[in-house]
Amino acid sequence: MTTTLPGILTEVDEFVQPVIRAHLDRIDERTRRVAGYQLGYWDVEGNPTVRGGGKGLRPALALLSARAAGRDARDGLTGAAAVELVHNFSLLHDDVIDGDRERRHRPTAWAAFGIGPAILAGDALLGLAADLLSESPRGNAAWASRCLSAAIRRLIAGQAADIAFETRAEVTLDECLTMARDKTAALLSCSATLGAILCGAPEELTLGLALYGDRLGLAFQLTDDLLGIWGEPAVTGKPVLADLRERKKSVPVVRALTAGGPASEKLRDLYAAPGDLSDTDLATAAALIEETGARDWTTKEADRLLTEALAELDRLTGPGGAAGPELTDVHGELVAVAHFITGRDH
């Protein structure tokens, strides 16, 4: 019977979280406390909580990719735990860089414990991810480690570009899409293929799953960019018009700034104005982005990328495709994850 989306996420809680918890014991107690808070295992005082961390979509993809290779999901377990650790490393550092004080409806780790402890906790999680893959009993652990390392380098390059854009007057749409692909899609692509790599799947299958993850990852980021402007604070856990308040050059913003015309010029002037933007300014900026057609364009681009991601799965399972009955069996779950990610409101 095909596992539903909640089912695969239950497997993340059942199999992946215990591995991560056990590995947290390898780091010093001060850093462990911050890392466990970030992962949602306990509150600021260290009291256990009903886990309030992320949804575990990246480790879910890693488990599903092991199944796609015809193996048990647990054969991709070390890869699943590693990508979740890397994801949280990036969130810890990202919150410090952006100065965000709230994530998942509670204080961010740096707001709760300080900047230094949050950075060190991120570093510790990155080290634990490397340990996990190096100790994997699977024969392709070295190749899996190289895949994850490449994704981390791209993630860092994307974050560096994002920071650089803040002080640049001109950013092209191609540059912005490259940044988004590196910052978000690289790790999602790695997640979608890492379990299959660990299980020794054929190259055509691992590459096809990576392409699925790449298209899905960029669609995910475009959806996130839209939520950063128009998302509901009660759902996203972020202030209204949060990305505009920070003058972020996200994809819809850059699309609007480069669209040409009166609305684009007014938005450019607003973004270049000194001082903080007022609530009226923020509402005006959002309206101008819509007026340029950038909101509609970003929505359609996310839909197009989702279609491409699903088409890659169809290609792998179709006549002459690399996948056998194993991927056919897990196809519906990968489709469900894709729709869940791109249709989310948080």
C-alpha atoms as a PDB file:
ATOM      1  CA  MET A   1       0.000   0.000   0.000  1.00  0.00           C
ATOM      2  CA  THR A   2       1.328   3.441  -0.897  1.00  0.00           C
ATOM      3  CA  THR A   3       2.362   5.508   2.126  1.00  0.00           C
ATOM      4  CA  THR A   4       0.552   8.832   2.374  1.00  0.00           C
ATOM      5  CA  LEU A   5       2.455  12.068   2.911  1.00  0.00           C
ATOM      6  CA  PRO A   6       1.684  12.059   6.651  1.00  0.00           C
ATOM      7  CA  GLY A   7       2.931   8.458   6.651  1.00  0.00           C
ATOM      8  CA  ILE A   8       6.375   9.276   5.296  1.00  0.00           C
ATOM      9  CA  LEU A   9       6.667  12.197   7.693  1.00  0.00           C
ATOM     10  CA  THR A  10       5.781   9.804  10.512  1.00  0.00           C
ATOM     11  CA  GLU A  11       8.700   7.644   9.384  1.00  0.00           C
ATOM     12  CA  VAL A  12      10.969  10.683   9.692  1.00  0.00           C
ATOM     13  CA  ASP A  13       9.889  11.037  13.314  1.00  0.00           C
ATOM     14  CA  GLU A  14      10.135   7.303  13.940  1.00  0.00           C
ATOM     15  CA  PHE A  15      13.496   6.590  12.293  1.00  0.00           C
ATOM     16  CA  VAL A  16      15.400   9.828  11.650  1.00  0.00           C
ATOM     17  CA  GLN A  17      14.815  11.847  14.810  1.00  0.00           C
ATOM     18  CA  PRO A  18      16.190   9.151  17.181  1.00  0.00           C
ATOM     19  CA  VAL A  19      19.409   9.042  15.131  1.00  0.00           C
ATOM     20  CA  ILE A  20      19.795  12.813  15.339  1.00  0.00           C
ATOM     21  CA  ARG A  21      19.030  12.860  19.080  1.00  0.00           C
ATOM     22  CA  ALA A  22      21.652  10.192  19.702  1.00  0.00           C
ATOM     23  CA  HIS A  23      24.291  12.112  17.752  1.00  0.00           C
ATOM     24  CA  LEU A  24      23.575  15.311  19.695  1.00  0.00           C
ATOM     25  CA  ASP A  25      25.161  13.587  22.693  1.00  0.00           C
ATOM     26  CA  ARG A  26      28.530  13.871  20.925  1.00  0.00           C
ATOM     27  CA  ILE A  27      28.708  17.639  21.341  1.00  0.00           C
ATOM     28  CA  ASP A  28      29.312  19.673  24.498  1.00  0.00           C
ATOM     29  CA  GLU A  29      26.349  20.285  26.759  1.00  0.00           C
ATOM     30  CA  ARG A  30      26.096  24.059  26.122  1.00  0.00           C
ATOM     31  CA  THR A  31      26.043  23.654  22.358  1.00  0.00           C
ATOM     32  CA  ARG A  32      23.803  20.591  22.575  1.00  0.00           C
ATOM     33  CA  ARG A  33      21.201  22.642  24.435  1.00  0.00           C
ATOM     34  CA  VAL A  34      21.066  25.242  21.650  1.00  0.00           C
ATOM     35  CA  ALA A  35      21.067  22.625  18.889  1.00  0.00           C
ATOM     36  CA  GLY A  36      18.249  20.656  20.507  1.00  0.00           C
ATOM     37  CA  TYR A  37      16.238  23.841  20.922  1.00  0.00           C
ATOM     38  CA  GLN A  38      16.693  24.584  17.224  1.00  0.00           C
ATOM     39  CA  LEU A  39      15.541  21.073  16.346  1.00  0.00           C
ATOM     40  CA  GLY A  40      12.454  21.489  18.537  1.00  0.00           C
ATOM     41  CA  TYR A  41      13.354  18.825  21.108  1.00  0.00           C
ATOM     42  CA  TRP A  42      13.187  21.106  24.165  1.00  0.00           C
ATOM     43  CA  ASP A  43      12.498  24.676  25.237  1.00  0.00           C
ATOM     44  CA  VAL A  44      14.993  27.349  26.342  1.00  0.00           C
ATOM     45  CA  GLU A  45      15.252  25.801  29.814  1.00  0.00           C
ATOM     46  CA  GLY A  46      15.825  22.342  28.358  1.00  0.00           C
ATOM     47  CA  ASN A  47      12.381  20.981  29.161  1.00  0.00           C
ATOM     48  CA  PRO A  48      11.103  18.409  26.607  1.00  0.00           C
ATOM     49  CA  THR A  49       8.511  19.719  24.180  1.00  0.00           C
ATOM     50  CA  VAL A  50       6.061  18.290  21.723  1.00  0.00           C
ATOM     51  CA  ARG A  51       8.476  18.531  18.801  1.00  0.00           C
ATOM     52  CA  GLY A  52       8.049  21.866  17.094  1.00  0.00           C
ATOM     53  CA  GLY A  53      10.808  21.648  14.512  1.00  0.00           C
ATOM     54  CA  GLY A  54      10.422  21.623  10.755  1.00  0.00           C
ATOM     55  CA  LYS A  55       8.267  19.205   8.845  1.00  0.00           C
ATOM     56  CA  GLY A  56      11.138  16.950   7.834  1.00  0.00           C
ATOM     57  CA  LEU A  57      10.582  17.238   4.081  1.00  0.00           C
ATOM     58  CA  ARG A  58      14.272  16.878   3.189  1.00  0.00           C
ATOM     59  CA  PRO A  59      14.818  13.686   5.192  1.00  0.00           C
ATOM     60  CA  ALA A  60      11.504  12.389   3.837  1.00  0.00           C
ATOM     61  CA  LEU A  61      12.854  12.790   0.306  1.00  0.00           C
ATOM     62  CA  ALA A  62      16.049  10.959   1.264  1.00  0.00           C
ATOM     63  CA  LEU A  63      14.047   8.024   2.650  1.00  0.00           C
ATOM     64  CA  LEU A  64      11.837   7.941  -0.439  1.00  0.00           C
ATOM     65  CA  SER A  65      14.859   7.941  -2.740  1.00  0.00           C
ATOM     66  CA  ALA A  66      16.165   4.831  -0.987  1.00  0.00           C
ATOM     67  CA  ARG A  67      12.814   3.186  -1.708  1.00  0.00           C
ATOM     68  CA  ALA A  68      13.042   4.339  -5.312  1.00  0.00           C
ATOM     69  CA  ALA A  69      16.268   2.331  -5.531  1.00  0.00           C
ATOM     70  CA  GLY A  70      14.375  -0.778  -4.428  1.00  0.00           C
ATOM     71  CA  ARG A  71      15.627  -0.767  -0.833  1.00  0.00           C
ATOM     72  CA  ASP A  72      14.021  -0.213   2.543  1.00  0.00           C
ATOM     73  CA  ALA A  73      13.621   3.438   3.529  1.00  0.00           C
ATOM     74  CA  ARG A  74      15.939   2.857   6.489  1.00  0.00           C
ATOM     75  CA  ASP A  75      18.784   2.117   4.086  1.00  0.00           C
ATOM     76  CA  GLY A  76      18.759   5.868   3.415  1.00  0.00           C
ATOM     77  CA  LEU A  77      18.614   6.744   7.104  1.00  0.00           C
ATOM     78  CA  THR A  78      22.077   8.255   7.505  1.00  0.00           C
ATOM     79  CA  GLY A  79      21.509  10.435   4.453  1.00  0.00           C
ATOM     80  CA  ALA A  80      18.123  11.548   5.784  1.00  0.00           C
ATOM     81  CA  ALA A  81      19.572  12.537   9.159  1.00  0.00           C
ATOM     82  CA  ALA A  82      22.519  14.300   7.511  1.00  0.00           C
ATOM     83  CA  VAL A  83      20.389  16.534   5.269  1.00  0.00           C
ATOM     84  CA  GLU A  84      18.172  17.497   8.217  1.00  0.00           C
ATOM     85  CA  LEU A  85      21.254  18.484  10.225  1.00  0.00           C
ATOM     86  CA  VAL A  86      22.631  20.528   7.320  1.00  0.00           C
ATOM     87  CA  HIS A  87      19.272  22.231   6.836  1.00  0.00           C
ATOM     88  CA  ASN A  88      19.184  23.292  10.481  1.00  0.00           C
ATOM     89  CA  PHE A  89      22.804  24.448  10.323  1.00  0.00           C
ATOM     90  CA  SER A  90      21.762  26.779   7.520  1.00  0.00           C
ATOM     91  CA  LEU A  91      18.706  28.026   9.425  1.00  0.00           C
ATOM     92  CA  LEU A  92      20.746  28.820  12.537  1.00  0.00           C
ATOM     93  CA  HIS A  93      23.217  30.901  10.541  1.00  0.00           C
ATOM     94  CA  ASP A  94      20.537  32.425   8.310  1.00  0.00           C
ATOM     95  CA  ASP A  95      18.579  33.717  11.305  1.00  0.00           C
ATOM     96  CA  VAL A  96      21.720  35.401  12.655  1.00  0.00           C
ATOM     97  CA  ILE A  97      22.559  36.951   9.275  1.00  0.00           C
ATOM     98  CA  ASP A  98      19.024  38.243   8.719  1.00  0.00           C
ATOM     99  CA  GLY A  99      18.483  39.294  12.334  1.00  0.00           C
ATOM    100  CA  ASP A 100      15.239  37.290  12.440  1.00  0.00           C
ATOM    101  CA  ARG A 101      13.993  36.987  16.009  1.00  0.00           C
ATOM    102  CA  GLU A 102      11.188  34.472  15.430  1.00  0.00           C
ATOM    103  CA  ARG A 103      10.934  31.118  13.647  1.00  0.00           C
ATOM    104  CA  ARG A 104       8.170  28.540  13.919  1.00  0.00           C
ATOM    105  CA  HIS A 105       6.257  30.817  16.297  1.00  0.00           C
ATOM    106  CA  ARG A 106       8.978  31.039  18.946  1.00  0.00           C
ATOM    107  CA  PRO A 107      12.249  32.953  19.442  1.00  0.00           C
ATOM    108  CA  THR A 108      15.072  31.991  17.104  1.00  0.00           C
ATOM    109  CA  ALA A 109      18.080  30.294  18.697  1.00  0.00           C
ATOM    110  CA  TRP A 110      20.259  33.412  18.589  1.00  0.00           C
ATOM    111  CA  ALA A 111      17.470  35.514  20.130  1.00  0.00           C
ATOM    112  CA  ALA A 112      17.119  32.957  22.930  1.00  0.00           C
ATOM    113  CA  PHE A 113      20.775  32.080  23.573  1.00  0.00           C
ATOM    114  CA  GLY A 114      22.897  34.723  21.834  1.00  0.00           C
ATOM    115  CA  ILE A 115      24.649  35.032  18.496  1.00  0.00           C
ATOM    116  CA  GLY A 116      27.806  33.125  19.411  1.00  0.00           C
ATOM    117  CA  PRO A 117      26.054  30.035  20.792  1.00  0.00           C
ATOM    118  CA  ALA A 118      23.713  29.909  17.766  1.00  0.00           C
ATOM    119  CA  ILE A 119      26.612  30.046  15.299  1.00  0.00           C
ATOM    120  CA  LEU A 120      28.495  27.348  17.209  1.00  0.00           C
ATOM    121  CA  ALA A 121      25.392  25.154  17.305  1.00  0.00           C
ATOM    122  CA  GLY A 122      25.132  25.461  13.527  1.00  0.00           C
ATOM    123  CA  ASP A 123      28.789  24.515  13.167  1.00  0.00           C
ATOM    124  CA  ALA A 124      28.239  21.502  15.423  1.00  0.00           C
ATOM    125  CA  LEU A 125      25.282  20.271  13.363  1.00  0.00           C
ATOM    126  CA  LEU A 126      27.346  20.548  10.186  1.00  0.00           C
ATOM    127  CA  GLY A 127      30.088  18.458  11.776  1.00  0.00           C
ATOM    128  CA  LEU A 128      27.578  15.854  12.929  1.00  0.00           C
ATOM    129  CA  ALA A 129      26.204  15.559   9.398  1.00  0.00           C
ATOM    130  CA  ALA A 130      29.679  14.747   8.103  1.00  0.00           C
ATOM    131  CA  ASP A 131      30.154  12.175  10.877  1.00  0.00           C
ATOM    132  CA  LEU A 132      26.901  10.450  10.024  1.00  0.00           C
ATOM    133  CA  LEU A 133      27.732   9.905   6.376  1.00  0.00           C
ATOM    134  CA  SER A 134      31.351   8.919   7.035  1.00  0.00           C
ATOM    135  CA  GLU A 135      30.133   6.204   9.408  1.00  0.00           C
ATOM    136  CA  SER A 136      27.401   4.906   7.101  1.00  0.00           C
ATOM    137  CA  PRO A 137      27.536   1.144   6.533  1.00  0.00           C
ATOM    138  CA  ARG A 138      26.453   1.625   2.919  1.00  0.00           C
ATOM    139  CA  GLY A 139      29.150   1.049   0.304  1.00  0.00           C
ATOM    140  CA  ASN A 140      28.626   4.381  -1.477  1.00  0.00           C
ATOM    141  CA  ALA A 141      29.065   6.547   1.628  1.00  0.00           C
ATOM    142  CA  ALA A 142      32.059   8.388   0.152  1.00  0.00           C
ATOM    143  CA  TRP A 143      30.122   9.382  -2.980  1.00  0.00           C
ATOM    144  CA  ALA A 144      27.152  10.419  -0.844  1.00  0.00           C
ATOM    145  CA  SER A 145      29.467  12.590   1.266  1.00  0.00           C
ATOM    146  CA  ARG A 146      30.787  14.317  -1.855  1.00  0.00           C
ATOM    147  CA  CYS A 147      27.230  14.937  -3.047  1.00  0.00           C
ATOM    148  CA  LEU A 148      26.285  16.539   0.277  1.00  0.00           C
ATOM    149  CA  SER A 149      29.492  18.593   0.395  1.00  0.00           C
ATOM    150  CA  ALA A 150      28.795  19.974  -3.079  1.00  0.00           C
ATOM    151  CA  ALA A 151      25.264  20.918  -2.004  1.00  0.00           C
ATOM    152  CA  ILE A 152      26.633  22.688   1.085  1.00  0.00           C
ATOM    153  CA  ARG A 153      29.098  24.686  -1.017  1.00  0.00           C
ATOM    154  CA  ARG A 154      26.270  25.768  -3.312  1.00  0.00           C
ATOM    155  CA  LEU A 155      24.058  26.614  -0.336  1.00  0.00           C
ATOM    156  CA  ILE A 156      26.789  28.861   1.066  1.00  0.00           C
ATOM    157  CA  ALA A 157      27.368  30.464  -2.344  1.00  0.00           C
ATOM    158  CA  GLY A 158      23.647  31.195  -2.610  1.00  0.00           C
ATOM    159  CA  GLN A 159      23.545  32.733   0.844  1.00  0.00           C
ATOM    160  CA  ALA A 160      26.632  34.830   0.034  1.00  0.00           C
ATOM    161  CA  ALA A 161      24.963  36.094  -3.137  1.00  0.00           C
ATOM    162  CA  ASP A 162      21.798  36.906  -1.198  1.00  0.00           C
ATOM    163  CA  ILE A 163      23.830  39.045   1.216  1.00  0.00           C
ATOM    164  CA  ALA A 164      25.719  40.727  -1.616  1.00  0.00           C
ATOM    165  CA  PHE A 165      22.462  41.666  -3.349  1.00  0.00           C
ATOM    166  CA  GLU A 166      21.476  43.786  -0.322  1.00  0.00           C
ATOM    167  CA  THR A 167      24.138  46.370  -1.174  1.00  0.00           C
ATOM    168  CA  ARG A 168      23.846  46.201  -4.966  1.00  0.00           C
ATOM    169  CA  ALA A 169      21.643  48.646  -6.809  1.00  0.00           C
ATOM    170  CA  GLU A 170      21.299  46.349  -9.844  1.00  0.00           C
ATOM    171  CA  VAL A 171      20.566  42.620  -9.730  1.00  0.00           C
ATOM    172  CA  THR A 172      19.457  40.704 -12.814  1.00  0.00           C
ATOM    173  CA  LEU A 173      16.675  38.142 -12.736  1.00  0.00           C
ATOM    174  CA  ASP A 174      19.088  35.420 -13.897  1.00  0.00           C
ATOM    175  CA  GLU A 175      21.420  36.235 -11.008  1.00  0.00           C
ATOM    176  CA  CYS A 176      18.515  36.109  -8.582  1.00  0.00           C
ATOM    177  CA  LEU A 177      17.292  32.740  -9.876  1.00  0.00           C
ATOM    178  CA  THR A 178      20.829  31.325  -9.645  1.00  0.00           C
ATOM    179  CA  MET A 179      21.021  32.533  -6.049  1.00  0.00           C
ATOM    180  CA  ALA A 180      17.669  30.915  -5.235  1.00  0.00           C
ATOM    181  CA  ARG A 181      18.673  27.648  -6.904  1.00  0.00           C
ATOM    182  CA  ASP A 182      21.927  27.522  -4.923  1.00  0.00           C
ATOM    183  CA  LYS A 183      20.461  28.640  -1.609  1.00  0.00           C
ATOM    184  CA  THR A 184      17.493  26.272  -1.585  1.00  0.00           C
ATOM    185  CA  ALA A 185      17.308  23.898  -4.536  1.00  0.00           C
ATOM    186  CA  ALA A 186      20.825  22.470  -4.115  1.00  0.00           C
ATOM    187  CA  LEU A 187      20.082  20.834  -0.761  1.00  0.00           C
ATOM    188  CA  LEU A 188      16.609  19.701  -1.820  1.00  0.00           C
ATOM    189  CA  SER A 189      18.097  18.136  -4.958  1.00  0.00           C
ATOM    190  CA  CYS A 190      20.720  16.361  -2.857  1.00  0.00           C
ATOM    191  CA  SER A 191      18.019  15.138  -0.461  1.00  0.00           C
ATOM    192  CA  ALA A 192      15.979  13.669  -3.311  1.00  0.00           C
ATOM    193  CA  THR A 193      18.873  11.541  -4.530  1.00  0.00           C
ATOM    194  CA  LEU A 194      21.050  10.872  -1.451  1.00  0.00           C
ATOM    195  CA  GLY A 195      19.233   7.734  -0.292  1.00  0.00           C
ATOM    196  CA  ALA A 196      19.439   6.270  -3.787  1.00  0.00           C
ATOM    197  CA  ILE A 197      23.169   7.066  -3.950  1.00  0.00           C
ATOM    198  CA  LEU A 198      23.755   5.328  -0.609  1.00  0.00           C
ATOM    199  CA  CYS A 199      21.902   2.280  -1.958  1.00  0.00           C
ATOM    200  CA  GLY A 200      24.027   2.084  -5.116  1.00  0.00           C
ATOM    201  CA  ALA A 201      21.250   3.000  -7.562  1.00  0.00           C
ATOM    202  CA  PRO A 202      22.077   3.362 -11.283  1.00  0.00           C
ATOM    203  CA  GLU A 203      23.434   6.735 -12.353  1.00  0.00           C
ATOM    204  CA  GLU A 204      20.453   7.546 -14.565  1.00  0.00           C
ATOM    205  CA  LEU A 205      18.103   7.089 -11.612  1.00  0.00           C
ATOM    206  CA  THR A 206      20.192   9.158  -9.178  1.00  0.00           C
ATOM    207  CA  LEU A 207      20.556  11.961 -11.730  1.00  0.00           C
ATOM    208  CA  GLY A 208      16.849  11.886 -12.552  1.00  0.00           C
ATOM    209  CA  LEU A 209      15.937  12.163  -8.884  1.00  0.00           C
ATOM    210  CA  ALA A 210      18.422  15.025  -8.532  1.00  0.00           C
ATOM    211  CA  LEU A 211      16.729  16.875 -11.408  1.00  0.00           C
ATOM    212  CA  TYR A 212      13.332  16.292  -9.799  1.00  0.00           C
ATOM    213  CA  GLY A 213      14.688  17.757  -6.560  1.00  0.00           C
ATOM    214  CA  ASP A 214      16.298  20.709  -8.320  1.00  0.00           C
ATOM    215  CA  ARG A 215      13.088  21.791 -10.066  1.00  0.00           C
ATOM    216  CA  LEU A 216      11.076  21.174  -6.913  1.00  0.00           C
ATOM    217  CA  GLY A 217      13.586  23.099  -4.803  1.00  0.00           C
ATOM    218  CA  LEU A 218      13.420  26.203  -6.958  1.00  0.00           C
ATOM    219  CA  ALA A 219       9.612  26.030  -7.023  1.00  0.00           C
ATOM    220  CA  PHE A 220       9.746  25.768  -3.234  1.00  0.00           C
ATOM    221  CA  GLN A 221      11.900  28.918  -2.985  1.00  0.00           C
ATOM    222  CA  LEU A 222       9.633  30.893  -5.303  1.00  0.00           C
ATOM    223  CA  THR A 223       6.668  29.866  -3.147  1.00  0.00           C
ATOM    224  CA  ASP A 224       8.618  30.974  -0.070  1.00  0.00           C
ATOM    225  CA  ASP A 225       9.399  34.310  -1.728  1.00  0.00           C
ATOM    226  CA  LEU A 226       5.695  34.881  -2.324  1.00  0.00           C
ATOM    227  CA  LEU A 227       4.922  34.025   1.296  1.00  0.00           C
ATOM    228  CA  GLY A 228       7.658  36.414   2.433  1.00  0.00           C
ATOM    229  CA  ILE A 229       5.574  39.242   0.993  1.00  0.00           C
ATOM    230  CA  TRP A 230       1.959  38.061   1.049  1.00  0.00           C
ATOM    231  CA  GLY A 231       1.928  35.260   3.630  1.00  0.00           C
ATOM    232  CA  GLU A 232      -0.287  35.402   6.696  1.00  0.00           C
ATOM    233  CA  PRO A 233       1.807  36.121   9.833  1.00  0.00           C
ATOM    234  CA  ALA A 234      -0.348  33.796  11.955  1.00  0.00           C
ATOM    235  CA  VAL A 235       0.593  30.973   9.569  1.00  0.00           C
ATOM    236  CA  THR A 236       4.152  31.827   8.491  1.00  0.00           C
ATOM    237  CA  GLY A 237       5.348  32.998  11.908  1.00  0.00           C
ATOM    238  CA  LYS A 238       6.873  36.094  10.279  1.00  0.00           C
ATOM    239  CA  PRO A 239       5.698  39.732  10.323  1.00  0.00           C
ATOM    240  CA  VAL A 240       3.481  40.918   7.474  1.00  0.00           C
ATOM    241  CA  LEU A 241       5.478  42.008   4.385  1.00  0.00           C
ATOM    242  CA  ALA A 242       8.614  40.743   6.154  1.00  0.00           C
ATOM    243  CA  ASP A 243      10.869  40.492   3.081  1.00  0.00           C
ATOM    244  CA  LEU A 244       9.950  43.988   1.915  1.00  0.00           C
ATOM    245  CA  ARG A 245      10.666  45.403   5.357  1.00  0.00           C
ATOM    246  CA  GLU A 246      14.210  44.030   5.029  1.00  0.00           C
ATOM    247  CA  ARG A 247      14.402  45.219   1.389  1.00  0.00           C
ATOM    248  CA  LYS A 248      15.243  41.679   0.302  1.00  0.00           C
ATOM    249  CA  LYS A 249      15.862  41.180  -3.400  1.00  0.00           C
ATOM    250  CA  SER A 250      13.799  38.035  -3.700  1.00  0.00           C
ATOM    251  CA  VAL A 251      12.650  36.720  -7.073  1.00  0.00           C
ATOM    252  CA  PRO A 252       9.300  38.618  -7.259  1.00  0.00           C
ATOM    253  CA  VAL A 253      11.043  41.822  -6.156  1.00  0.00           C
ATOM    254  CA  VAL A 254      13.823  41.525  -8.742  1.00  0.00           C
ATOM    255  CA  ARG A 255      11.306  40.565 -11.422  1.00  0.00           C
ATOM    256  CA  ALA A 256       9.381  43.754 -10.572  1.00  0.00           C
ATOM    257  CA  LEU A 257      12.513  45.936 -10.420  1.00  0.00           C
ATOM    258  CA  THR A 258      13.635  44.756 -13.864  1.00  0.00           C
ATOM    259  CA  ALA A 259      10.188  44.802 -15.505  1.00  0.00           C
ATOM    260  CA  GLY A 260      10.383  48.410 -16.686  1.00  0.00           C
ATOM    261  CA  GLY A 261       7.560  50.924 -16.615  1.00  0.00           C
ATOM    262  CA  PRO A 262       6.236  53.399 -14.030  1.00  0.00           C
ATOM    263  CA  ALA A 263       5.460  50.845 -11.304  1.00  0.00           C
ATOM    264  CA  SER A 264       8.935  49.359 -11.593  1.00  0.00           C
ATOM    265  CA  GLU A 265      10.551  52.795 -11.321  1.00  0.00           C
ATOM    266  CA  LYS A 266       8.441  53.723  -8.281  1.00  0.00           C
ATOM    267  CA  LEU A 267       9.449  50.473  -6.581  1.00  0.00           C
ATOM    268  CA  ARG A 268      13.110  51.157  -7.365  1.00  0.00           C
ATOM    269  CA  ASP A 269      12.855  54.611  -5.779  1.00  0.00           C
ATOM    270  CA  LEU A 270      11.110  53.180  -2.718  1.00  0.00           C
ATOM    271  CA  TYR A 271      13.756  50.486  -2.239  1.00  0.00           C
ATOM    272  CA  ALA A 272      16.532  53.111  -2.583  1.00  0.00           C
ATOM    273  CA  ALA A 273      14.960  55.573  -0.108  1.00  0.00           C
ATOM    274  CA  PRO A 274      16.943  56.121   3.124  1.00  0.00           C
ATOM    275  CA  GLY A 275      15.589  55.060   6.497  1.00  0.00           C
ATOM    276  CA  ASP A 276      13.085  52.403   7.475  1.00  0.00           C
ATOM    277  CA  LEU A 277      10.047  51.790   5.303  1.00  0.00           C
ATOM    278  CA  SER A 278       6.764  52.689   6.974  1.00  0.00           C
ATOM    279  CA  ASP A 279       3.747  50.367   6.954  1.00  0.00           C
ATOM    280  CA  THR A 280       2.293  52.560   4.206  1.00  0.00           C
ATOM    281  CA  ASP A 281       5.527  52.227   2.211  1.00  0.00           C
ATOM    282  CA  LEU A 282       5.428  48.435   2.587  1.00  0.00           C
ATOM    283  CA  ALA A 283       1.847  48.218   1.393  1.00  0.00           C
ATOM    284  CA  THR A 284       2.729  50.456  -1.549  1.00  0.00           C
ATOM    285  CA  ALA A 285       5.723  48.289  -2.440  1.00  0.00           C
ATOM    286  CA  ALA A 286       3.587  45.127  -2.423  1.00  0.00           C
ATOM    287  CA  ALA A 287       0.988  46.814  -4.634  1.00  0.00           C
ATOM    288  CA  LEU A 288       3.687  47.983  -7.066  1.00  0.00           C
ATOM    289  CA  ILE A 289       5.101  44.460  -7.350  1.00  0.00           C
ATOM    290  CA  GLU A 290       1.644  43.192  -8.249  1.00  0.00           C
ATOM    291  CA  GLU A 291       1.181  46.030 -10.728  1.00  0.00           C
ATOM    292  CA  THR A 292       4.309  45.003 -12.634  1.00  0.00           C
ATOM    293  CA  GLY A 293       2.927  41.462 -12.955  1.00  0.00           C
ATOM    294  CA  ALA A 294       5.772  40.020 -10.878  1.00  0.00           C
ATOM    295  CA  ARG A 295       3.527  38.228  -8.402  1.00  0.00           C
ATOM    296  CA  ASP A 296       1.653  36.497 -11.214  1.00  0.00           C
ATOM    297  CA  TRP A 297       4.898  35.683 -13.051  1.00  0.00           C
ATOM    298  CA  THR A 298       6.468  34.131  -9.941  1.00  0.00           C
ATOM    299  CA  THR A 299       3.372  32.040  -9.286  1.00  0.00           C
ATOM    300  CA  LYS A 300       3.340  30.749 -12.860  1.00  0.00           C
ATOM    301  CA  GLU A 301       7.085  30.061 -12.778  1.00  0.00           C
ATOM    302  CA  ALA A 302       6.684  27.988  -9.598  1.00  0.00           C
ATOM    303  CA  ASP A 303       3.869  26.048 -11.313  1.00  0.00           C
ATOM    304  CA  ARG A 304       6.049  25.488 -14.397  1.00  0.00           C
ATOM    305  CA  LEU A 305       8.922  24.161 -12.270  1.00  0.00           C
ATOM    306  CA  LEU A 306       6.567  21.822 -10.430  1.00  0.00           C
ATOM    307  CA  THR A 307       5.355  20.488 -13.778  1.00  0.00           C
ATOM    308  CA  GLU A 308       8.974  19.888 -14.831  1.00  0.00           C
ATOM    309  CA  ALA A 309       9.726  18.078 -11.573  1.00  0.00           C
ATOM    310  CA  LEU A 310       6.765  15.750 -12.021  1.00  0.00           C
ATOM    311  CA  ALA A 311       7.636  15.219 -15.687  1.00  0.00           C
ATOM    312  CA  GLU A 312      11.067  13.984 -14.604  1.00  0.00           C
ATOM    313  CA  LEU A 313       9.429  11.358 -12.413  1.00  0.00           C
ATOM    314  CA  ASP A 314       7.198  10.347 -15.334  1.00  0.00           C
ATOM    315  CA  ARG A 315      10.241  10.062 -17.584  1.00  0.00           C
ATOM    316  CA  LEU A 316      11.994   7.763 -15.123  1.00  0.00           C
ATOM    317  CA  THR A 317       8.967   5.490 -14.800  1.00  0.00           C
ATOM    318  CA  GLY A 318       7.833   5.627 -18.420  1.00  0.00           C
ATOM    319  CA  PRO A 319       8.772   3.304 -21.293  1.00  0.00           C
ATOM    320  CA  GLY A 320      12.541   3.075 -21.545  1.00  0.00           C
ATOM    321  CA  GLY A 321      13.011   4.954 -18.250  1.00  0.00           C
ATOM    322  CA  ALA A 322      15.743   4.060 -15.763  1.00  0.00           C
ATOM    323  CA  ALA A 323      13.371   3.164 -12.945  1.00  0.00           C
ATOM    324  CA  GLY A 324      11.979  -0.233 -12.293  1.00  0.00           C
ATOM    325  CA  PRO A 325       8.836  -1.125 -10.359  1.00  0.00           C
ATOM    326  CA  GLU A 326      10.417   0.275  -7.182  1.00  0.00           C
ATOM    327  CA  LEU A 327      10.126   3.901  -8.317  1.00  0.00           C
ATOM    328  CA  THR A 328       6.721   3.190  -9.795  1.00  0.00           C
ATOM    329  CA  ASP A 329       5.578   2.144  -6.319  1.00  0.00           C
ATOM    330  CA  VAL A 330       6.985   5.289  -4.665  1.00  0.00           C
ATOM    331  CA  HIS A 331       5.990   7.631  -7.509  1.00  0.00           C
ATOM    332  CA  GLY A 332       2.768   8.718  -5.809  1.00  0.00           C
ATOM    333  CA  GLU A 333       4.602   9.643  -2.611  1.00  0.00           C
ATOM    334  CA  LEU A 334       7.130  11.789  -4.455  1.00  0.00           C
ATOM    335  CA  VAL A 335       4.266  13.518  -6.268  1.00  0.00           C
ATOM    336  CA  ALA A 336       2.473  14.104  -2.958  1.00  0.00           C
ATOM    337  CA  VAL A 337       5.597  15.656  -1.415  1.00  0.00           C
ATOM    338  CA  ALA A 338       5.986  17.923  -4.440  1.00  0.00           C
ATOM    339  CA  HIS A 339       2.413  19.180  -4.231  1.00  0.00           C
ATOM    340  CA  PHE A 340       2.681  19.627  -0.472  1.00  0.00           C
ATOM    341  CA  ILE A 341       5.860  21.714  -0.746  1.00  0.00           C
ATOM    342  CA  THR A 342       4.665  24.010  -3.499  1.00  0.00           C
ATOM    343  CA  GLY A 343       1.119  24.332  -2.224  1.00  0.00           C
ATOM    344  CA  ARG A 344       2.087  25.204   1.337  1.00  0.00           C
ATOM    345  CA  ASP A 345       1.039  28.359   3.120  1.00  0.00           C
ATOM    346  CA  HIS A 346       3.827  28.276   5.720  1.00  0.00           C
END
